[in-house]
Amino acid sequence: GNPGEKFAVCNAGGGFAYVGAMHDSFPHALELSKM
């Protein structure tokens, strides 16, 4: 995002068996970066 701005950590689900990042954390992180 903008240099010096606050940060967020996004965590995808997947039943603790796998990480569904492409749908459950990457999109969120991308949208937050646009903000």
PDB file of all heavy atoms in Angstrom:
ATOM      1  N   GLY A   1       0.844  -1.176   0.000  1.00  0.00           N
ATOM      2  CA  GLY A   1       0.000   0.000   0.000  1.00  0.00           C
ATOM      3  C   GLY A   1       0.884   1.233   0.000  1.00  0.00           C
ATOM      4  O   GLY A   1       1.943   1.248  -0.622  1.00  0.00           O
ATOM      5  N   ASN A   2       0.481   2.252   0.723  1.00  0.00           N
ATOM      6  CA  ASN A   2       1.275   3.473   0.810  1.00  0.00           C
ATOM      7  C   ASN A   2       2.410   3.296   1.809  1.00  0.00           C
ATOM      8  O   ASN A   2       2.205   2.714   2.887  1.00  0.00           O
ATOM      9  CB  ASN A   2       0.398   4.648   1.237  1.00  0.00           C
ATOM     10  CG  ASN A   2      -0.689   4.955   0.236  1.00  0.00           C
ATOM     11  OD1 ASN A   2      -0.517   4.746  -0.967  1.00  0.00           O
ATOM     12  ND2 ASN A   2      -1.832   5.438   0.716  1.00  0.00           N
ATOM     13  N   PRO A   3       3.606   3.785   1.497  1.00  0.00           N
ATOM     14  CA  PRO A   3       4.720   3.689   2.446  1.00  0.00           C
ATOM     15  C   PRO A   3       4.353   4.332   3.777  1.00  0.00           C
ATOM     16  O   PRO A   3       3.791   5.430   3.821  1.00  0.00           O
ATOM     17  CB  PRO A   3       5.846   4.456   1.737  1.00  0.00           C
ATOM     18  CG  PRO A   3       5.509   4.373   0.290  1.00  0.00           C
ATOM     19  CD  PRO A   3       4.007   4.434   0.234  1.00  0.00           C
ATOM     20  N   GLY A   4       4.632   3.617   4.862  1.00  0.00           N
ATOM     21  CA  GLY A   4       4.362   4.148   6.187  1.00  0.00           C
ATOM     22  C   GLY A   4       2.946   3.945   6.675  1.00  0.00           C
ATOM     23  O   GLY A   4       2.601   4.365   7.796  1.00  0.00           O
ATOM     24  N   GLU A   5       2.111   3.291   5.871  1.00  0.00           N
ATOM     25  CA  GLU A   5       0.723   3.047   6.284  1.00  0.00           C
ATOM     26  C   GLU A   5       0.648   1.800   7.156  1.00  0.00           C
ATOM     27  O   GLU A   5       1.566   0.975   7.198  1.00  0.00           O
ATOM     28  CB  GLU A   5      -0.160   2.904   5.041  1.00  0.00           C
ATOM     29  CG  GLU A   5      -1.651   2.852   5.314  1.00  0.00           C
ATOM     30  CD  GLU A   5      -2.159   4.012   6.153  1.00  0.00           C
ATOM     31  OE1 GLU A   5      -2.523   5.048   5.582  1.00  0.00           O
ATOM     32  OE2 GLU A   5      -2.164   3.861   7.403  1.00  0.00           O
ATOM     33  N   LYS A   6      -0.463   1.634   7.858  1.00  0.00           N
ATOM     34  CA  LYS A   6      -0.654   0.486   8.745  1.00  0.00           C
ATOM     35  C   LYS A   6      -0.760  -0.804   7.939  1.00  0.00           C
ATOM     36  O   LYS A   6      -0.976  -0.778   6.731  1.00  0.00           O
ATOM     37  CB  LYS A   6      -1.900   0.697   9.600  1.00  0.00           C
ATOM     38  CG  LYS A   6      -1.813   1.948  10.473  1.00  0.00           C
ATOM     39  CD  LYS A   6      -2.994   2.081  11.391  1.00  0.00           C
ATOM     40  CE  LYS A   6      -2.972   3.420  12.109  1.00  0.00           C
ATOM     41  NZ  LYS A   6      -1.729   3.635  12.872  1.00  0.00           N
ATOM     42  N   PHE A   7      -0.627  -1.934   8.638  1.00  0.00           N
ATOM     43  CA  PHE A   7      -0.636  -3.210   7.937  1.00  0.00           C
ATOM     44  C   PHE A   7      -1.718  -4.149   8.459  1.00  0.00           C
ATOM     45  O   PHE A   7      -2.213  -4.025   9.575  1.00  0.00           O
ATOM     46  CB  PHE A   7       0.732  -3.892   8.004  1.00  0.00           C
ATOM     47  CG  PHE A   7       1.047  -4.585   9.314  1.00  0.00           C
ATOM     48  CD1 PHE A   7       0.673  -5.911   9.535  1.00  0.00           C
ATOM     49  CD2 PHE A   7       1.743  -3.925  10.325  1.00  0.00           C
ATOM     50  CE1 PHE A   7       0.972  -6.562  10.722  1.00  0.00           C
ATOM     51  CE2 PHE A   7       2.051  -4.560  11.515  1.00  0.00           C
ATOM     52  CZ  PHE A   7       1.670  -5.885  11.717  1.00  0.00           C
ATOM     53  N   ALA A   8      -2.066  -5.093   7.596  1.00  0.00           N
ATOM     54  CA  ALA A   8      -3.013  -6.156   7.919  1.00  0.00           C
ATOM     55  C   ALA A   8      -2.401  -7.484   7.505  1.00  0.00           C
ATOM     56  O   ALA A   8      -1.643  -7.550   6.534  1.00  0.00           O
ATOM     57  CB  ALA A   8      -4.325  -5.938   7.190  1.00  0.00           C
ATOM     58  N   VAL A   9      -2.736  -8.534   8.253  1.00  0.00           N
ATOM     59  CA  VAL A   9      -2.342  -9.888   7.866  1.00  0.00           C
ATOM     60  C   VAL A   9      -3.618 -10.668   7.590  1.00  0.00           C
ATOM     61  O   VAL A   9      -4.483 -10.792   8.462  1.00  0.00           O
ATOM     62  CB  VAL A   9      -1.521 -10.598   8.959  1.00  0.00           C
ATOM     63  CG1 VAL A   9      -1.109 -11.992   8.477  1.00  0.00           C
ATOM     64  CG2 VAL A   9      -0.291  -9.787   9.332  1.00  0.00           C
ATOM     65  N   CYS A  10      -3.733 -11.190   6.375  1.00  0.00           N
ATOM     66  CA  CYS A  10      -4.927 -11.929   5.951  1.00  0.00           C
ATOM     67  C   CYS A  10      -4.633 -13.422   5.963  1.00  0.00           C
ATOM     68  O   CYS A  10      -3.599 -13.867   5.444  1.00  0.00           O
ATOM     69  CB  CYS A  10      -5.349 -11.493   4.552  1.00  0.00           C
ATOM     70  SG  CYS A  10      -5.710  -9.717   4.424  1.00  0.00           S
ATOM     71  N   ASN A  11      -5.547 -14.192   6.537  1.00  0.00           N
ATOM     72  CA  ASN A  11      -5.346 -15.628   6.715  1.00  0.00           C
ATOM     73  C   ASN A  11      -6.490 -16.406   6.082  1.00  0.00           C
ATOM     74  O   ASN A  11      -7.637 -16.312   6.512  1.00  0.00           O
ATOM     75  CB  ASN A  11      -5.282 -15.966   8.214  1.00  0.00           C
ATOM     76  CG  ASN A  11      -4.227 -15.143   8.925  1.00  0.00           C
ATOM     77  OD1 ASN A  11      -3.051 -15.456   8.885  1.00  0.00           O
ATOM     78  ND2 ASN A  11      -4.652 -14.068   9.582  1.00  0.00           N
ATOM     79  N   ALA A  12      -6.168 -17.158   5.057  1.00  0.00           N
ATOM     80  CA  ALA A  12      -7.181 -17.963   4.380  1.00  0.00           C
ATOM     81  C   ALA A  12      -7.548 -19.189   5.211  1.00  0.00           C
ATOM     82  O   ALA A  12      -6.759 -19.657   6.031  1.00  0.00           O
ATOM     83  CB  ALA A  12      -6.668 -18.409   3.016  1.00  0.00           C
ATOM     84  N   GLY A  13      -8.739 -19.705   4.970  1.00  0.00           N
ATOM     85  CA  GLY A  13      -9.146 -20.949   5.602  1.00  0.00           C
ATOM     86  C   GLY A  13      -8.745 -22.146   4.763  1.00  0.00           C
ATOM     87  O   GLY A  13      -7.966 -22.049   3.825  1.00  0.00           O
ATOM     88  N   GLY A  14      -9.310 -23.281   5.110  1.00  0.00           N
ATOM     89  CA  GLY A  14      -9.004 -24.537   4.440  1.00  0.00           C
ATOM     90  C   GLY A  14      -9.043 -25.701   5.407  1.00  0.00           C
ATOM     91  O   GLY A  14      -8.410 -26.723   5.185  1.00  0.00           O
ATOM     92  N   GLY A  15      -9.802 -25.531   6.503  1.00  0.00           N
ATOM     93  CA  GLY A  15      -9.978 -26.610   7.457  1.00  0.00           C
ATOM     94  C   GLY A  15      -8.692 -27.052   8.143  1.00  0.00           C
ATOM     95  O   GLY A  15      -8.616 -28.169   8.659  1.00  0.00           O
ATOM     96  N   PHE A  16      -7.670 -26.172   8.149  1.00  0.00           N
ATOM     97  CA  PHE A  16      -6.354 -26.519   8.685  1.00  0.00           C
ATOM     98  C   PHE A  16      -5.732 -27.703   7.956  1.00  0.00           C
ATOM     99  O   PHE A  16      -4.841 -28.365   8.464  1.00  0.00           O
ATOM    100  CB  PHE A  16      -6.396 -26.782  10.191  1.00  0.00           C
ATOM    101  CG  PHE A  16      -6.705 -25.561  10.995  1.00  0.00           C
ATOM    102  CD1 PHE A  16      -7.853 -25.501  11.759  1.00  0.00           C
ATOM    103  CD2 PHE A  16      -5.866 -24.462  10.964  1.00  0.00           C
ATOM    104  CE1 PHE A  16      -8.156 -24.353  12.494  1.00  0.00           C
ATOM    105  CE2 PHE A  16      -6.155 -23.312  11.684  1.00  0.00           C
ATOM    106  CZ  PHE A  16      -7.301 -23.260  12.455  1.00  0.00           C
ATOM    107  N   ALA A  17      -6.235 -27.960   6.748  1.00  0.00           N
ATOM    108  CA  ALA A  17      -5.672 -29.021   5.902  1.00  0.00           C
ATOM    109  C   ALA A  17      -4.920 -28.427   4.722  1.00  0.00           C
ATOM    110  O   ALA A  17      -3.983 -29.040   4.208  1.00  0.00           O
ATOM    111  CB  ALA A  17      -6.784 -29.944   5.406  1.00  0.00           C
ATOM    112  N   TYR A  18      -5.349 -27.243   4.286  1.00  0.00           N
ATOM    113  CA  TYR A  18      -4.674 -26.544   3.198  1.00  0.00           C
ATOM    114  C   TYR A  18      -4.970 -25.064   3.335  1.00  0.00           C
ATOM    115  O   TYR A  18      -5.753 -24.649   4.195  1.00  0.00           O
ATOM    116  CB  TYR A  18      -5.122 -27.083   1.836  1.00  0.00           C
ATOM    117  CG  TYR A  18      -6.435 -26.521   1.336  1.00  0.00           C
ATOM    118  CD1 TYR A  18      -6.465 -25.545   0.338  1.00  0.00           C
ATOM    119  CD2 TYR A  18      -7.658 -26.963   1.840  1.00  0.00           C
ATOM    120  CE1 TYR A  18      -7.666 -25.029  -0.128  1.00  0.00           C
ATOM    121  CE2 TYR A  18      -8.857 -26.455   1.372  1.00  0.00           C
ATOM    122  CZ  TYR A  18      -8.858 -25.483   0.389  1.00  0.00           C
ATOM    123  OH  TYR A  18     -10.053 -24.970  -0.063  1.00  0.00           O
ATOM    124  N   VAL A  19      -4.340 -24.247   2.493  1.00  0.00           N
ATOM    125  CA  VAL A  19      -4.516 -22.798   2.551  1.00  0.00           C
ATOM    126  C   VAL A  19      -5.158 -22.321   1.249  1.00  0.00           C
ATOM    127  O   VAL A  19      -4.531 -22.357   0.189  1.00  0.00           O
ATOM    128  CB  VAL A  19      -3.166 -22.083   2.767  1.00  0.00           C
ATOM    129  CG1 VAL A  19      -3.371 -20.570   2.879  1.00  0.00           C
ATOM    130  CG2 VAL A  19      -2.472 -22.623   4.018  1.00  0.00           C
ATOM    131  N   GLY A  20      -6.408 -21.862   1.333  1.00  0.00           N
ATOM    132  CA  GLY A  20      -7.138 -21.412   0.151  1.00  0.00           C
ATOM    133  C   GLY A  20      -6.906 -19.943  -0.158  1.00  0.00           C
ATOM    134  O   GLY A  20      -7.853 -19.171  -0.314  1.00  0.00           O
ATOM    135  N   ALA A  21      -5.657 -19.559  -0.277  1.00  0.00           N
ATOM    136  CA  ALA A  21      -5.289 -18.143  -0.376  1.00  0.00           C
ATOM    137  C   ALA A  21      -5.864 -17.445  -1.598  1.00  0.00           C
ATOM    138  O   ALA A  21      -6.246 -16.268  -1.520  1.00  0.00           O
ATOM    139  CB  ALA A  21      -3.764 -18.000  -0.363  1.00  0.00           C
ATOM    140  N   MET A  22      -5.921 -18.128  -2.744  1.00  0.00           N
ATOM    141  CA  MET A  22      -6.334 -17.455  -3.972  1.00  0.00           C
ATOM    142  C   MET A  22      -7.759 -16.891  -3.893  1.00  0.00           C
ATOM    143  O   MET A  22      -8.096 -15.944  -4.601  1.00  0.00           O
ATOM    144  CB  MET A  22      -6.210 -18.404  -5.166  1.00  0.00           C
ATOM    145  CG  MET A  22      -6.457 -17.746  -6.514  1.00  0.00           C
ATOM    146  SD  MET A  22      -5.430 -16.270  -6.828  1.00  0.00           S
ATOM    147  CE  MET A  22      -3.923 -17.034  -7.428  1.00  0.00           C
ATOM    148  N   HIS A  23      -8.562 -17.418  -3.000  1.00  0.00           N
ATOM    149  CA  HIS A  23      -9.933 -16.914  -2.850  1.00  0.00           C
ATOM    150  C   HIS A  23     -10.173 -16.271  -1.486  1.00  0.00           C
ATOM    151  O   HIS A  23     -11.044 -15.395  -1.368  1.00  0.00           O
ATOM    152  CB  HIS A  23     -10.924 -18.062  -3.044  1.00  0.00           C
ATOM    153  CG  HIS A  23     -12.359 -17.688  -2.830  1.00  0.00           C
ATOM    154  ND1 HIS A  23     -13.023 -16.749  -3.602  1.00  0.00           N
ATOM    155  CD2 HIS A  23     -13.277 -18.137  -1.931  1.00  0.00           C
ATOM    156  CE1 HIS A  23     -14.271 -16.635  -3.194  1.00  0.00           C
ATOM    157  NE2 HIS A  23     -14.451 -17.455  -2.172  1.00  0.00           N
ATOM    158  N   ASP A  24      -9.410 -16.652  -0.467  1.00  0.00           N
ATOM    159  CA  ASP A  24      -9.773 -16.288   0.902  1.00  0.00           C
ATOM    160  C   ASP A  24      -8.777 -15.380   1.609  1.00  0.00           C
ATOM    161  O   ASP A  24      -9.008 -15.009   2.752  1.00  0.00           O
ATOM    162  CB  ASP A  24      -9.975 -17.562   1.731  1.00  0.00           C
ATOM    163  CG  ASP A  24     -11.005 -17.385   2.834  1.00  0.00           C
ATOM    164  OD1 ASP A  24     -11.942 -16.587   2.663  1.00  0.00           O
ATOM    165  OD2 ASP A  24     -10.884 -18.071   3.872  1.00  0.00           O
ATOM    166  N   SER A  25      -7.680 -15.013   0.954  1.00  0.00           N
ATOM    167  CA  SER A  25      -6.776 -14.026   1.564  1.00  0.00           C
ATOM    168  C   SER A  25      -6.117 -13.122   0.532  1.00  0.00           C
ATOM    169  O   SER A  25      -6.001 -11.918   0.754  1.00  0.00           O
ATOM    170  CB  SER A  25      -5.698 -14.707   2.426  1.00  0.00           C
ATOM    171  OG  SER A  25      -4.870 -15.554   1.651  1.00  0.00           O
ATOM    172  N   PHE A  26      -5.697 -13.649  -0.622  1.00  0.00           N
ATOM    173  CA  PHE A  26      -5.113 -12.802  -1.658  1.00  0.00           C
ATOM    174  C   PHE A  26      -6.073 -11.691  -2.099  1.00  0.00           C
ATOM    175  O   PHE A  26      -5.667 -10.524  -2.203  1.00  0.00           O
ATOM    176  CB  PHE A  26      -4.702 -13.627  -2.879  1.00  0.00           C
ATOM    177  CG  PHE A  26      -3.488 -14.502  -2.675  1.00  0.00           C
ATOM    178  CD1 PHE A  26      -3.162 -15.471  -3.615  1.00  0.00           C
ATOM    179  CD2 PHE A  26      -2.660 -14.372  -1.574  1.00  0.00           C
ATOM    180  CE1 PHE A  26      -2.047 -16.286  -3.463  1.00  0.00           C
ATOM    181  CE2 PHE A  26      -1.544 -15.179  -1.395  1.00  0.00           C
ATOM    182  CZ  PHE A  26      -1.235 -16.138  -2.349  1.00  0.00           C
ATOM    183  N   PRO A  27      -7.351 -12.014  -2.377  1.00  0.00           N
ATOM    184  CA  PRO A  27      -8.260 -10.938  -2.804  1.00  0.00           C
ATOM    185  C   PRO A  27      -8.418  -9.853  -1.742  1.00  0.00           C
ATOM    186  O   PRO A  27      -8.475  -8.656  -2.066  1.00  0.00           O
ATOM    187  CB  PRO A  27      -9.584 -11.674  -3.039  1.00  0.00           C
ATOM    188  CG  PRO A  27      -9.187 -13.082  -3.326  1.00  0.00           C
ATOM    189  CD  PRO A  27      -8.013 -13.331  -2.421  1.00  0.00           C
ATOM    190  N   HIS A  28      -8.501 -10.250  -0.491  1.00  0.00           N
ATOM    191  CA  HIS A  28      -8.653  -9.296   0.605  1.00  0.00           C
ATOM    192  C   HIS A  28      -7.411  -8.403   0.701  1.00  0.00           C
ATOM    193  O   HIS A  28      -7.526  -7.177   0.848  1.00  0.00           O
ATOM    194  CB  HIS A  28      -8.861 -10.038   1.924  1.00  0.00           C
ATOM    195  CG  HIS A  28      -9.995 -11.009   1.923  1.00  0.00           C
ATOM    196  ND1 HIS A  28     -10.052 -12.092   1.073  1.00  0.00           N
ATOM    197  CD2 HIS A  28     -11.129 -11.072   2.681  1.00  0.00           C
ATOM    198  CE1 HIS A  28     -11.163 -12.773   1.292  1.00  0.00           C
ATOM    199  NE2 HIS A  28     -11.835 -12.177   2.261  1.00  0.00           N
ATOM    200  N   ALA A  29      -6.243  -9.035   0.621  1.00  0.00           N
ATOM    201  CA  ALA A  29      -5.002  -8.274   0.711  1.00  0.00           C
ATOM    202  C   ALA A  29      -4.870  -7.296  -0.452  1.00  0.00           C
ATOM    203  O   ALA A  29      -4.442  -6.144  -0.270  1.00  0.00           O
ATOM    204  CB  ALA A  29      -3.806  -9.229   0.741  1.00  0.00           C
ATOM    205  N   LEU A  30      -5.245  -7.740  -1.635  1.00  0.00           N
ATOM    206  CA  LEU A  30      -5.164  -6.858  -2.799  1.00  0.00           C
ATOM    207  C   LEU A  30      -6.092  -5.656  -2.640  1.00  0.00           C
ATOM    208  O   LEU A  30      -5.701  -4.509  -2.920  1.00  0.00           O
ATOM    209  CB  LEU A  30      -5.519  -7.633  -4.071  1.00  0.00           C
ATOM    210  CG  LEU A  30      -5.519  -6.832  -5.378  1.00  0.00           C
ATOM    211  CD1 LEU A  30      -4.162  -6.183  -5.624  1.00  0.00           C
ATOM    212  CD2 LEU A  30      -5.915  -7.720  -6.557  1.00  0.00           C
ATOM    213  N   GLU A  31      -7.324  -5.892  -2.192  1.00  0.00           N
ATOM    214  CA  GLU A  31      -8.263  -4.789  -2.026  1.00  0.00           C
ATOM    215  C   GLU A  31      -7.807  -3.820  -0.942  1.00  0.00           C
ATOM    216  O   GLU A  31      -7.954  -2.601  -1.072  1.00  0.00           O
ATOM    217  CB  GLU A  31      -9.660  -5.326  -1.714  1.00  0.00           C
ATOM    218  CG  GLU A  31     -10.308  -6.073  -2.874  1.00  0.00           C
ATOM    219  CD  GLU A  31     -10.310  -5.267  -4.156  1.00  0.00           C
ATOM    220  OE1 GLU A  31     -10.841  -4.129  -4.152  1.00  0.00           O
ATOM    221  OE2 GLU A  31      -9.758  -5.759  -5.165  1.00  0.00           O
ATOM    222  N   LEU A  32      -7.240  -4.343   0.135  1.00  0.00           N
ATOM    223  CA  LEU A  32      -6.733  -3.471   1.195  1.00  0.00           C
ATOM    224  C   LEU A  32      -5.568  -2.625   0.684  1.00  0.00           C
ATOM    225  O   LEU A  32      -5.433  -1.454   1.052  1.00  0.00           O
ATOM    226  CB  LEU A  32      -6.306  -4.303   2.404  1.00  0.00           C
ATOM    227  CG  LEU A  32      -7.440  -4.906   3.222  1.00  0.00           C
ATOM    228  CD1 LEU A  32      -6.888  -5.905   4.239  1.00  0.00           C
ATOM    229  CD2 LEU A  32      -8.244  -3.826   3.933  1.00  0.00           C
ATOM    230  N   SER A  33      -4.732  -3.212  -0.169  1.00  0.00           N
ATOM    231  CA  SER A  33      -3.606  -2.448  -0.724  1.00  0.00           C
ATOM    232  C   SER A  33      -4.116  -1.318  -1.615  1.00  0.00           C
ATOM    233  O   SER A  33      -3.517  -0.241  -1.672  1.00  0.00           O
ATOM    234  CB  SER A  33      -2.657  -3.368  -1.501  1.00  0.00           C
ATOM    235  OG  SER A  33      -3.212  -3.777  -2.738  1.00  0.00           O
ATOM    236  N   LYS A  34      -5.228  -1.553  -2.311  1.00  0.00           N
ATOM    237  CA  LYS A  34      -5.823  -0.499  -3.143  1.00  0.00           C
ATOM    238  C   LYS A  34      -6.336   0.650  -2.282  1.00  0.00           C
ATOM    239  O   LYS A  34      -6.415   1.795  -2.744  1.00  0.00           O
ATOM    240  CB  LYS A  34      -6.960  -1.066  -3.984  1.00  0.00           C
ATOM    241  CG  LYS A  34      -6.517  -2.047  -5.069  1.00  0.00           C
ATOM    242  CD  LYS A  34      -7.730  -2.608  -5.808  1.00  0.00           C
ATOM    243  CE  LYS A  34      -7.328  -3.610  -6.874  1.00  0.00           C
ATOM    244  NZ  LYS A  34      -8.510  -4.180  -7.584  1.00  0.00           N
ATOM    245  N   MET A  35      -6.699   0.340  -1.032  1.00  0.00           N
ATOM    246  CA  MET A  35      -7.135   1.382  -0.098  1.00  0.00           C
ATOM    247  C   MET A  35      -5.958   2.135   0.506  1.00  0.00           C
ATOM    248  O   MET A  35      -6.141   3.105   1.240  1.00  0.00           O
ATOM    249  CB  MET A  35      -7.957   0.758   1.033  1.00  0.00           C
ATOM    250  CG  MET A  35      -9.215   0.058   0.598  1.00  0.00           C
ATOM    251  SD  MET A  35     -10.046  -0.726   2.029  1.00  0.00           S
ATOM    252  CE  MET A  35     -11.204  -1.824   1.196  1.00  0.00           C
TER     253      MET A  35
END
